[in-house]
Every structure is written in structure tokens, then in C-alpha cells.
Protein backbone atom coordinates (compact mmCIF):
# COMPACT_ATOMS: atom_id res chain seq x y z
CA MET A 1 0.00 0.00 0.00
CA THR A 2 1.28 3.44 -0.93
CA LYS A 3 1.83 5.82 1.98
CA VAL A 4 0.84 9.14 0.39
CA SER A 5 -1.38 9.87 -2.60
CA VAL A 6 -0.80 13.30 -4.15
CA ILE A 7 -3.67 14.69 -6.23
CA VAL A 8 -3.19 17.29 -8.99
CA PRO A 9 -6.13 18.55 -11.11
CA VAL A 10 -4.80 19.86 -14.44
CA TYR A 11 -6.44 22.16 -16.96
CA ASN A 12 -4.45 24.08 -19.59
CA ALA A 13 -1.35 24.25 -17.42
CA GLU A 14 1.34 23.43 -19.99
CA LYS A 15 3.64 26.22 -18.80
CA ALA A 16 3.81 25.04 -15.19
CA ILE A 17 2.73 21.40 -14.97
CA GLU A 18 6.15 19.82 -15.44
CA ARG A 19 7.61 21.88 -12.59
CA CYS A 20 4.66 20.84 -10.39
CA ILE A 21 4.90 17.11 -11.16
CA ARG A 22 8.69 16.97 -10.87
CA SER A 23 8.51 18.63 -7.46
CA ILE A 24 6.28 15.74 -6.36
CA LEU A 25 8.34 12.93 -7.89
CA ASP A 26 11.58 14.45 -6.53
CA GLN A 27 10.38 14.49 -2.93
CA GLU A 28 12.77 13.17 -0.28
CA TYR A 29 9.94 10.90 0.79
CA GLN A 30 9.51 8.50 -2.11
CA ASP A 31 6.65 6.17 -1.08
CA ILE A 32 4.07 8.17 -2.98
CA GLU A 33 1.72 7.99 -5.90
CA CYS A 34 0.86 11.08 -7.90
CA ILE A 35 -2.59 11.11 -9.50
CA ALA A 36 -2.80 13.82 -12.16
CA VAL A 37 -6.26 14.36 -13.63
CA ASP A 38 -6.18 16.01 -17.07
CA ASP A 39 -9.55 17.78 -17.04
CA GLY A 40 -10.00 18.07 -20.79
CA SER A 41 -7.03 20.36 -21.36
CA LYS A 42 -6.91 22.00 -24.79
CA ASP A 43 -3.16 22.66 -24.67
CA ALA A 44 -0.22 20.25 -24.32
CA SER A 45 -0.80 19.48 -20.62
CA GLY A 46 -2.02 15.93 -21.30
CA GLU A 47 0.95 15.10 -23.55
CA ILE A 48 3.40 16.44 -20.94
CA LEU A 49 1.79 14.29 -18.23
CA ASP A 50 1.93 11.17 -20.41
CA ARG A 51 5.61 11.77 -21.17
CA LEU A 52 6.46 12.19 -17.48
CA ALA A 53 4.47 9.05 -16.60
CA GLU A 54 6.57 6.99 -19.02
CA SER A 55 9.67 7.55 -16.90
CA ASP A 56 8.11 7.15 -13.43
CA SER A 57 5.47 4.53 -12.64
CA ARG A 58 4.40 6.48 -9.54
CA LEU A 59 2.70 9.04 -11.78
CA LYS A 60 -0.78 7.95 -12.80
CA VAL A 61 -2.54 10.09 -15.42
CA ILE A 62 -6.31 10.19 -15.87
CA HIS A 63 -7.72 11.92 -18.95
CA LYS A 64 -11.35 13.03 -18.80
CA GLU A 65 -13.75 15.51 -20.32
CA ASN A 66 -13.76 18.94 -18.79
CA GLY A 67 -15.93 19.01 -15.68
CA GLY A 68 -14.25 21.49 -13.35
CA VAL A 69 -11.64 21.31 -10.65
CA SER A 70 -13.91 19.75 -7.99
CA LYS A 71 -14.95 16.88 -10.26
CA ALA A 72 -11.30 16.32 -11.22
CA ARG A 73 -10.29 16.06 -7.57
CA ASN A 74 -13.21 13.71 -6.86
CA THR A 75 -12.14 11.50 -9.77
CA ALA A 76 -8.73 11.15 -8.13
CA LEU A 77 -10.17 10.62 -4.64
CA ASP A 78 -12.14 7.64 -5.98
CA VAL A 79 -8.92 5.80 -6.90
CA VAL A 80 -6.36 6.79 -4.24
CA SER A 81 -4.44 3.92 -2.66
CA GLY A 82 -2.44 5.91 -0.08
CA GLU A 83 -2.94 6.11 3.67
CA TYR A 84 -2.71 9.89 3.41
CA VAL A 85 -3.76 12.42 0.80
CA GLN A 86 -1.99 15.60 -0.27
CA PHE A 87 -3.29 18.13 -2.84
CA LEU A 88 -1.47 20.41 -5.27
CA ASP A 89 -2.65 22.89 -7.88
CA ALA A 90 -1.02 22.61 -11.29
CA ASP A 91 0.46 26.15 -11.25
CA ASP A 92 2.26 25.54 -7.96
CA TRP A 93 5.00 23.31 -6.57
CA ILE A 94 6.34 21.95 -3.28
CA PRO A 95 9.75 22.02 -1.54
CA THR A 96 11.64 18.71 -1.56
CA ASP A 97 10.90 18.09 2.14
CA SER A 98 7.17 18.93 2.01
CA THR A 99 5.66 15.44 2.13
CA LYS A 100 8.20 14.22 4.67
CA LEU A 101 7.53 17.13 7.06
CA LEU A 102 3.75 16.76 6.85
CA LEU A 103 3.81 12.97 7.19
CA ARG A 104 6.27 12.99 10.08
CA ALA A 105 4.16 15.53 11.97
CA MET A 106 1.02 13.44 11.40
CA GLU A 107 2.54 10.14 12.51
CA GLU A 108 4.62 11.38 15.45
CA ASN A 109 1.59 13.16 16.91
CA GLU A 110 -1.02 10.58 15.82
CA ALA A 111 -2.90 13.51 14.28
CA ASP A 112 -5.83 13.56 11.88
CA LEU A 113 -4.62 16.62 9.97
CA ALA A 114 -1.30 18.38 9.46
CA ILE A 115 -1.22 22.01 8.30
CA GLY A 116 1.86 24.01 7.35
CA TYR A 117 3.08 27.47 6.42
CA PHE A 118 3.57 28.23 2.73
CA TYR A 119 5.62 30.35 0.36
CA ARG A 120 3.52 33.04 -1.33
CA VAL A 121 4.92 33.76 -4.81
CA VAL A 122 4.12 36.97 -6.68
CA GLY A 123 6.23 37.42 -9.79
CA GLU A 124 9.86 37.19 -8.69
CA ASN A 125 9.09 37.81 -5.01
CA VAL A 126 8.34 35.28 -2.30
CA ALA A 127 7.36 35.46 1.37
CA ILE A 128 6.45 32.94 4.04
CA GLN A 129 2.85 33.00 5.24
CA GLY A 130 1.06 31.15 8.01
CA SER A 131 -1.39 31.76 10.82
CA ILE A 132 -0.94 29.42 13.80
CA ASP A 133 2.21 30.36 15.71
CA THR A 134 2.66 27.11 17.61
CA THR A 135 3.78 23.54 16.96
CA LYS A 136 1.67 22.09 19.75
CA ALA A 137 -0.92 19.53 18.74
CA LEU A 138 -4.37 21.14 18.91
CA THR A 139 -7.80 19.79 19.67
CA LEU A 140 -10.50 20.61 17.12
CA GLN A 141 -11.91 23.23 19.50
CA GLU A 142 -8.51 24.91 19.89
CA TYR A 143 -7.96 24.90 16.14
CA ALA A 144 -11.43 26.34 15.58
CA GLN A 145 -10.67 29.23 17.95
CA PHE A 146 -7.59 30.11 15.87
CA MET A 147 -9.64 29.94 12.66
CA MET A 148 -12.32 32.17 14.16
CA MET A 149 -9.77 34.99 14.41
CA SER A 150 -9.06 34.94 10.66
CA PRO A 151 -11.61 32.77 8.85
CA ALA A 152 -10.91 34.06 5.33
CA ASP A 153 -7.18 33.38 5.56
CA PHE A 154 -6.04 31.01 2.79
CA TYR A 155 -4.18 29.06 5.49
CA TYR A 156 -7.43 27.52 6.75
CA GLY A 157 -9.46 27.38 3.56
CA VAL A 158 -7.19 25.83 0.95
CA LEU A 159 -6.31 22.17 0.46
CA TRP A 160 -2.67 22.42 -0.55
CA ASN A 161 -0.93 23.20 2.76
CA LYS A 162 -2.43 20.18 4.50
CA LEU A 163 -2.17 16.39 4.77
CA TYR A 164 -5.37 14.36 5.21
CA ARG A 165 -6.07 10.83 6.40
CA ALA A 166 -7.50 8.73 3.59
CA ASP A 167 -9.49 6.53 5.99
CA ILE A 168 -11.46 9.57 7.20
CA LEU A 169 -12.14 10.63 3.63
CA LYS A 170 -13.38 7.13 2.76
CA LYS A 171 -15.33 6.42 5.95
CA PHE A 172 -17.39 9.61 5.69
CA HIS A 173 -17.27 9.76 1.88
CA LEU A 174 -15.94 13.31 1.92
CA ARG A 175 -15.82 14.85 -1.54
CA MET A 176 -15.71 18.25 -3.22
CA GLN A 177 -19.07 19.83 -3.98
CA GLU A 178 -19.08 19.82 -7.77
CA ASN A 179 -21.89 22.38 -8.09
CA CYS A 180 -20.08 24.94 -5.91
CA LYS A 181 -17.96 27.53 -7.75
CA PHE A 182 -16.63 29.43 -4.73
CA ALA A 183 -14.67 28.22 -1.68
CA GLU A 184 -15.43 24.57 -2.42
CA ASP A 185 -12.10 23.67 -0.81
CA PHE A 186 -13.04 25.53 2.39
CA ILE A 187 -16.38 23.70 2.55
CA PHE A 188 -14.52 20.42 2.09
CA ASN A 189 -12.16 21.36 4.93
CA LEU A 190 -15.03 22.31 7.25
CA GLU A 191 -16.60 18.90 6.69
CA TYR A 192 -13.26 17.16 7.23
CA TYR A 193 -12.50 19.12 10.41
CA LEU A 194 -15.64 17.73 12.03
CA HIS A 195 -14.09 14.26 12.00
CA THR A 196 -10.73 15.24 13.52
CA ARG A 197 -9.62 14.88 17.12
CA LYS A 198 -6.08 16.22 16.87
CA ILE A 199 -4.58 18.73 14.41
CA ILE A 200 -0.85 19.42 14.20
CA PRO A 201 0.42 22.76 12.85
CA LEU A 202 3.90 23.14 11.37
CA LYS A 203 5.82 26.40 11.37
CA ALA A 204 7.63 25.26 8.23
CA PRO A 205 6.70 26.18 4.64
CA VAL A 206 5.44 23.15 2.71
CA TYR A 207 4.12 24.75 -0.49
CA TYR A 208 4.80 27.35 -3.17
CA TYR A 209 1.51 29.12 -3.97
CA VAL A 210 1.55 31.19 -7.17
CA LYS A 211 -1.14 33.80 -7.76
CA THR A 212 -2.23 33.51 -11.39
CA GLU A 213 -4.22 36.04 -13.37
CA GLY A 214 -7.71 34.86 -14.16
CA SER A 215 -8.14 32.89 -10.94
CA LEU A 216 -11.32 33.53 -8.98
CA VAL A 217 -9.54 35.54 -6.28
CA SER A 218 -7.96 37.84 -8.86
CA GLN A 219 -11.18 38.54 -10.79
CA ALA A 220 -13.04 41.75 -10.16
CA MET A 221 -16.47 40.94 -8.74
CA SER A 222 -19.25 43.13 -7.51
CA ILE A 223 -19.76 43.50 -3.78
CA SER A 224 -23.22 41.94 -4.10
CA LYS A 225 -21.81 38.88 -5.92
CA ILE A 226 -19.08 38.39 -3.32
CA TYR A 227 -21.61 38.74 -0.49
CA GLN A 228 -23.93 36.23 -2.15
CA MET A 229 -21.16 33.65 -2.42
CA LYS A 230 -19.92 34.29 1.11
CA THR A 231 -23.44 33.91 2.46
CA THR A 232 -23.62 30.45 0.89
CA VAL A 233 -20.32 29.41 2.47
CA PHE A 234 -21.28 31.00 5.78
CA ALA A 235 -24.13 28.51 6.16
CA TYR A 236 -21.52 25.72 6.35
CA TYR A 237 -19.14 27.79 8.49
CA ASN A 238 -21.84 28.71 11.01
CA GLN A 239 -23.10 25.11 11.20
CA PHE A 240 -19.53 23.92 11.81
CA TYR A 241 -19.31 26.00 14.99
CA LYS A 242 -22.78 24.96 16.10
CA ASN A 243 -21.60 21.36 15.83
CA ILE A 244 -18.41 21.73 17.88
CA LEU A 245 -19.33 24.38 20.47
CA ASP A 246 -21.81 24.02 23.28
CA GLU A 247 -24.71 26.45 23.27
CA LYS A 248 -23.17 28.79 25.84
CA GLN A 249 -19.84 29.05 23.97
CA TYR A 250 -21.61 29.49 20.63
CA ARG A 251 -23.63 32.43 21.98
CA LYS A 252 -20.45 33.96 23.35
CA ASP A 253 -18.61 33.63 20.01
CA ARG A 254 -21.45 34.27 17.57
CA LEU A 255 -20.32 37.81 16.69
CA LEU A 256 -16.81 36.56 15.91
CA ILE A 257 -18.32 33.76 13.84
CA ALA A 258 -20.49 36.23 11.94
CA ALA A 259 -17.38 38.30 11.16
CA PHE A 260 -16.70 35.74 8.42
CA LEU A 261 -19.14 37.67 6.24
CA ILE A 262 -17.00 40.81 6.24
CA ASP A 263 -13.51 39.30 6.54
CA GLY A 264 -11.64 39.69 3.25
CA ALA A 265 -9.76 36.80 1.65
CA LYS A 266 -6.09 36.99 2.60
CA ASP A 267 -4.01 35.66 -0.26
CA GLY A 268 -0.96 37.87 0.17
CA SER A 269 -1.60 40.07 -2.87
CA ALA A 270 0.30 42.93 -1.20
CA ILE A 271 3.41 40.83 -0.91
CA GLY A 272 5.70 43.71 -1.84
CA VAL A 273 5.15 45.35 1.55
CA LEU A 274 5.30 42.18 3.64
CA PRO A 275 8.25 41.74 6.01
CA GLY A 276 10.69 39.02 5.03
CA VAL A 277 10.03 39.29 1.28
CA LYS A 278 12.85 37.77 -0.77
CA LYS A 279 13.64 37.21 -4.39
CA LEU A 280 12.43 33.81 -5.55
CA GLY A 281 15.32 31.39 -5.20
CA GLN A 282 16.78 33.14 -2.15
CA GLU A 283 14.19 31.79 0.31
CA ARG A 284 15.91 28.39 0.52
CA ILE A 285 19.53 27.29 0.46
CA GLN A 286 20.46 26.53 -3.14
CA ALA A 287 23.42 24.71 -4.70
CA LYS A 288 24.62 27.28 -7.23
CA TYR A 289 27.96 25.76 -8.20
CA THR A 290 27.81 22.83 -10.62
CA SER A 291 30.95 20.73 -10.82
CA GLU A 292 32.06 19.58 -14.26
CA LYS A 293 33.39 16.36 -12.80
CA ASP A 294 32.75 14.08 -9.85
CA SER A 295 35.11 14.66 -6.95
CA MET A 296 35.35 14.55 -3.16
CA LEU A 297 35.09 18.35 -3.14
CA ALA A 298 31.84 18.28 -5.14
CA PHE A 299 30.42 15.66 -2.76
CA ALA A 300 31.37 17.75 0.28
CA TYR A 301 29.82 20.84 -1.33
CA TYR A 302 26.45 19.19 -1.98
CA VAL A 303 26.34 17.56 1.46
CA ASN A 304 27.03 20.93 3.08
CA LYS A 305 24.33 22.66 1.01
CA ALA A 306 21.77 19.94 1.76
CA PHE A 307 22.51 20.16 5.49
CA GLU A 308 22.28 23.97 5.41
CA GLN A 309 18.91 23.66 3.69
CA LYS A 310 17.63 21.46 6.50
CA LEU A 311 19.08 23.75 9.16
CA ASN A 312 17.36 26.69 7.45
CA THR A 313 14.00 24.93 7.83
CA ILE A 314 14.73 24.43 11.53
CA ALA A 315 15.61 28.13 11.79
CA ILE A 316 12.24 29.10 10.27
CA GLN A 317 10.38 26.76 12.63
CA ASN A 318 12.10 28.26 15.67
CA GLU A 319 12.14 31.88 14.46
CA MET A 320 15.93 32.00 14.49
CA ASN A 321 18.65 32.91 12.01
CA LEU A 322 20.48 30.21 10.07
CA ASN A 323 23.73 31.03 11.88
CA ASP A 324 21.98 30.52 15.25
CA ILE A 325 21.06 26.98 14.21
CA LYS A 326 24.55 26.36 12.78
CA VAL A 327 26.01 27.15 16.19
CA LEU A 328 23.54 24.81 17.89
CA ALA A 329 24.31 22.11 15.29
CA ALA A 330 27.98 22.45 16.18
CA LEU A 331 27.13 21.79 19.82
CA VAL A 332 24.98 18.80 18.83
CA ASN A 333 27.58 17.28 16.55
CA ALA A 334 30.79 18.15 18.37
CA GLY A 335 29.55 17.39 21.87
CA HIS A 336 29.42 19.48 25.03
CA ASP A 337 31.92 21.87 26.51
CA ASN A 338 33.00 23.83 23.41
CA THR A 339 34.73 27.20 23.46
CA ILE A 340 33.84 30.15 21.24
CA ASP A 341 36.91 29.43 19.12
CA ASP A 342 35.94 25.74 18.78
CA ILE A 343 32.47 26.69 17.51
CA SER A 344 33.91 29.34 15.18
CA ASP A 345 36.34 26.82 13.71
CA TYR A 346 33.58 24.23 13.24
CA THR A 347 31.00 26.55 11.65
CA GLY A 348 33.19 29.02 9.76
CA ILE A 349 31.42 31.89 11.54
CA SER A 350 33.75 34.54 12.97
CA SER A 351 34.54 34.38 16.69
CA LEU A 352 32.94 37.79 17.20
CA ASN A 353 29.66 36.70 15.60
CA VAL A 354 29.71 33.39 17.49
CA SER A 355 30.10 35.37 20.72
CA ILE A 356 27.09 37.52 19.83
CA ILE A 357 25.01 34.44 18.94
CA ILE A 358 26.01 32.57 22.11
CA THR A 359 25.16 35.59 24.27
CA LYS A 360 21.73 35.81 22.64
CA LEU A 361 21.07 32.07 22.99
CA ASN A 362 22.23 32.16 26.60
CA MET A 363 19.77 34.98 27.38
CA LYS A 364 17.02 32.80 25.88
CA GLY A 365 18.09 29.88 28.06
CA ILE A 366 19.01 27.69 25.07
CA VAL A 367 22.71 27.35 25.94
CA THR A 368 24.70 27.57 29.15
CA MET A 369 28.10 29.21 29.61
CA GLU A 370 30.76 28.52 32.20
CA ALA A 371 34.01 30.46 32.55
CA ARG A 372 37.05 28.26 33.09
CA GLU A 373 40.72 29.18 32.71
CA GLY A 374 39.74 32.53 31.25
CA ARG A 375 37.58 31.06 28.48
CA ALA A 376 33.82 30.61 28.07
CA HIS A 377 32.76 26.97 27.69
CA VAL A 378 29.39 26.50 26.01
CA SER A 379 26.91 23.63 26.28
CA LEU A 380 23.30 23.04 25.25
CA ALA A 381 20.76 23.70 27.99
CA ASP A 382 18.06 21.16 28.81
CA THR A 383 15.48 23.50 27.26
CA ALA A 384 17.20 23.05 23.88
CA HIS A 385 16.10 19.42 23.67
CA PRO A 386 13.38 20.03 21.02
CA ILE A 387 15.89 21.81 18.76
CA TYR A 388 18.47 19.10 19.51
CA GLU A 389 15.98 16.49 18.28
CA GLN A 390 15.26 18.51 15.14
CA ILE A 391 18.98 18.73 14.33
CA ARG A 392 19.53 15.01 14.96
CA GLU A 393 16.52 14.33 12.73
CA ALA A 394 18.04 16.52 10.01
CA LEU A 395 21.30 14.56 10.21
CA ASN A 396 19.39 11.28 9.90
CA ASP A 397 17.45 12.65 6.92
CA LEU A 398 20.71 13.68 5.29
CA GLU A 399 22.05 10.15 5.70
CA ASP A 400 18.87 8.77 4.13
CA ILE A 401 19.36 11.04 1.12
CA ILE A 402 23.02 10.12 0.73
CA PHE A 403 22.39 6.38 0.99
CA ALA A 404 19.21 6.25 -1.12
CA ASP A 405 19.33 3.25 -3.49
CA ILE A 406 22.52 2.01 -1.82
CA SER A 407 22.50 -1.47 -0.28
CA GLU A 408 22.96 -1.98 3.45
CA GLU A 409 26.21 -3.83 2.77
CA ASP A 410 27.61 -0.94 0.73
CA ASN A 411 26.32 1.47 3.38
CA GLN A 412 28.33 -0.32 6.09
CA LYS A 413 31.42 -0.40 3.88
CA PHE A 414 31.07 3.31 3.20
CA ASN A 415 30.75 4.16 6.91
CA ALA A 416 33.86 2.13 7.66
CA LEU A 417 35.65 3.91 4.82
CA ILE A 418 34.54 7.33 6.09
CA LEU A 419 35.83 6.49 9.57
CA LYS A 420 39.19 5.48 8.11
CA MET A 421 39.37 8.67 6.01
CA ILE A 422 38.60 10.82 9.07
CA GLN A 423 41.36 9.04 11.00
CA ASN A 424 43.75 9.68 8.11
CA MET A 425 42.86 13.36 7.97
CA ARG A 426 43.22 13.82 11.73
CA LYS A 427 46.86 12.80 11.44
CA ILE A 428 47.72 15.78 9.25
CA VAL A 429 45.25 18.48 10.35
């Protein structure tokens, strides 16, 4: 049985669909099936999908007459074989660690839904967006209270920043409403939420959302038309809260619930003024140098870049800078009782900057410092255990990437060889 089924409805997306599909097939987590539904495309989308499917059996392509995005998703939902379901839109793509992060959060917390931050892409600019500023597992009631504060936020309404349990979808026969032309994904989510006990938020971006001209949110609509559509959705939204809140709490919150009718959709259209906006490509660690030949230096370069990429995700999750996490990674990997100069040597960060970082982390209670023989000795504090686990997890993930498609016997030989090479290098360095 496949672990994760990824659903992509496709209609006239020839310019973006290959990027979308490759981002799925190139995930670190490989036990997936991708179900792409060609919804009667009139361009080359169908041919592109068929070509990609020829080289990877995990991609399953369904061609059908045009019936709309909801019907396309339902067609895929009828044939999924995975334990979990993830959705993408054809114009968008996902980071290489997206499925792994969502699945790990679901399984480690025995959750019914995982929901993550996302990258909002406008032209050449990108910014991280998300709403729930915690990584604590939430009850449905707790999650609903967060949603009540910003009900029109894409974070809650869309499908693509979440991971769903297939058994819930099948047991309650949850499907998209094919006759609904507005917020059908939000209605689907509201129905799914009712069957959840535990929801786990991630403060890590798991999706690249691209605003495209001609989409419903970018079309100019009259106020009366918008209100009419929102009134239809509000019937589901209001009933959702009636189902999960007792009568006393519902009466207390009814004005906040009714605020849904006037809350504007938040899709990040004003990205140019958002804090943390970066040029697309600078939001994640990239390998920019391409070696013309295979060498130990090229291997070391790619390993370092891959590890930095994982540390950068940890930095985002903990609202720290990359260099902060590099310093903590040095303490994790090199052991306790390191001096400022030791950490500087290990990370390549100047001693002055390491001192500044250590002082900051010490004030936050993440590291401890002890002065001995005129030097500050630094160790991880007990409160740093969650970050310690994240860094150890990143190291394990890196090993999985390196040894993918390599036999256990060759893996053991390689580890023995690495140990011998390190011993050799220690003799001269």
C-alpha cells in the first residue's frame, strides 16, 4: 500500500505542470503515488503528463472531459491507494521536504490533519505566510478558535498546505461539492475538520503558492456577488461552529463567527510590503555551483548545502537565524563543553559573531556558559532538547538522502571507509 497519494487537477497548465509534477516525484519521501487528472485540457498538458508518466510509474494520469476542478479532484479521490492524501494545484509546486515534514508531523503526533506554512509567490518575489504560531498539537476546538480569528485566511481554507487521512475521507465519503464555484475547498475542509480529534500545525513552509491572473480571487467581482457567495459558504461555516461548540460558547462567540461575512480573503496580494520578502530562489539554500566532474570536493559541497537547507527549515520553525542553528548544530555534533573558538572553527562563523550568537542564545536559556581558565565553555541547555531532536533528525534525513538506493552492505562499507578517512585526515590536520 502506498503511503501518500498526491492529487493534482490539471487544466491548460502546460507552462507550469512539469515543474509541479517533478517537485512531487523528486520528494525526499519516495513512497508516494501522484494522480494527475487532465480535465479536458486544450493545450499540451495531457501530452506532458503522459511523457512524465513513461519515466516514473508512480505518476498515474487520468484523462477526462472537462468538468471542473472539484470533479477532477473527486475523480482522483475515488482511486487513491495511499494512507494519506496531499493536494497540489497545477500552477504551484512543493519544496523537496514537504511530504516528509507533513507525514512525520502526522505520525509522530497521531494527528488527523497536518497544516503548514507556505511560500507566497508573486512574480519574482516570495514570502512565508502562516497563521498558527505554535507547533503544539491542537484539539479541534482549539484549532477552531484560531480559525475564528481569521476565517478568510487562505491558510485555513485551501487544500494544498495540509495532509489528510484517507481513511477519514473514505469512511465519511468526503468529496468536493461539484456544483459549488466558490470556496469549495473551504467547505470540504469544514466537513473534514468535524471528523478530527487532533490537528498538528507546522511552522515550516510546505508549499509554493503562485497567484495567477484569471483565478477567482484575482477577478473583479461586484460586492453583491461576493456577499452572495460568502453567504452560501457561511451557512456551512456557522453550522460547523454549532456542531463543535456548546450552546453557551456558541452564543459567546457568535459575533466573531459572523465576522466571516465581512472578513476579506487573505491571499498575500500585497506581498511587496510584507516583512521578510525575498527574491524567488533566495528563500531556501540553493546549490549554485555545478561541478564539471565528480570529486570529493563536489560531494562535500552538496552535502554541506543539503545540510544547510535542513538547518534553514529548523531556523524558520524556531524563528531564528540560520547562523543561530549552525552554532547549535555544532554543539549537537561536536559534543558538550565547546569554546567560542571551537564553535567558530567548526562553523566558519567569525569568533565575534559566534560570541554575539552565544550571548543571545544564553539569554534565551538555550545554551549555558561557564568560565574556566579565562575562556567561556558552552553547552546546550536542557530547554534546547526540542531543537536538539530537530537537528539530529536533520542529520538522519541527510544520511537517508546520501544512501538512497545504496545497499545496506555498501552502506556499512562506506561508513567504515569514512571512519578510516577521518582518521587519516586527523593525522595531518
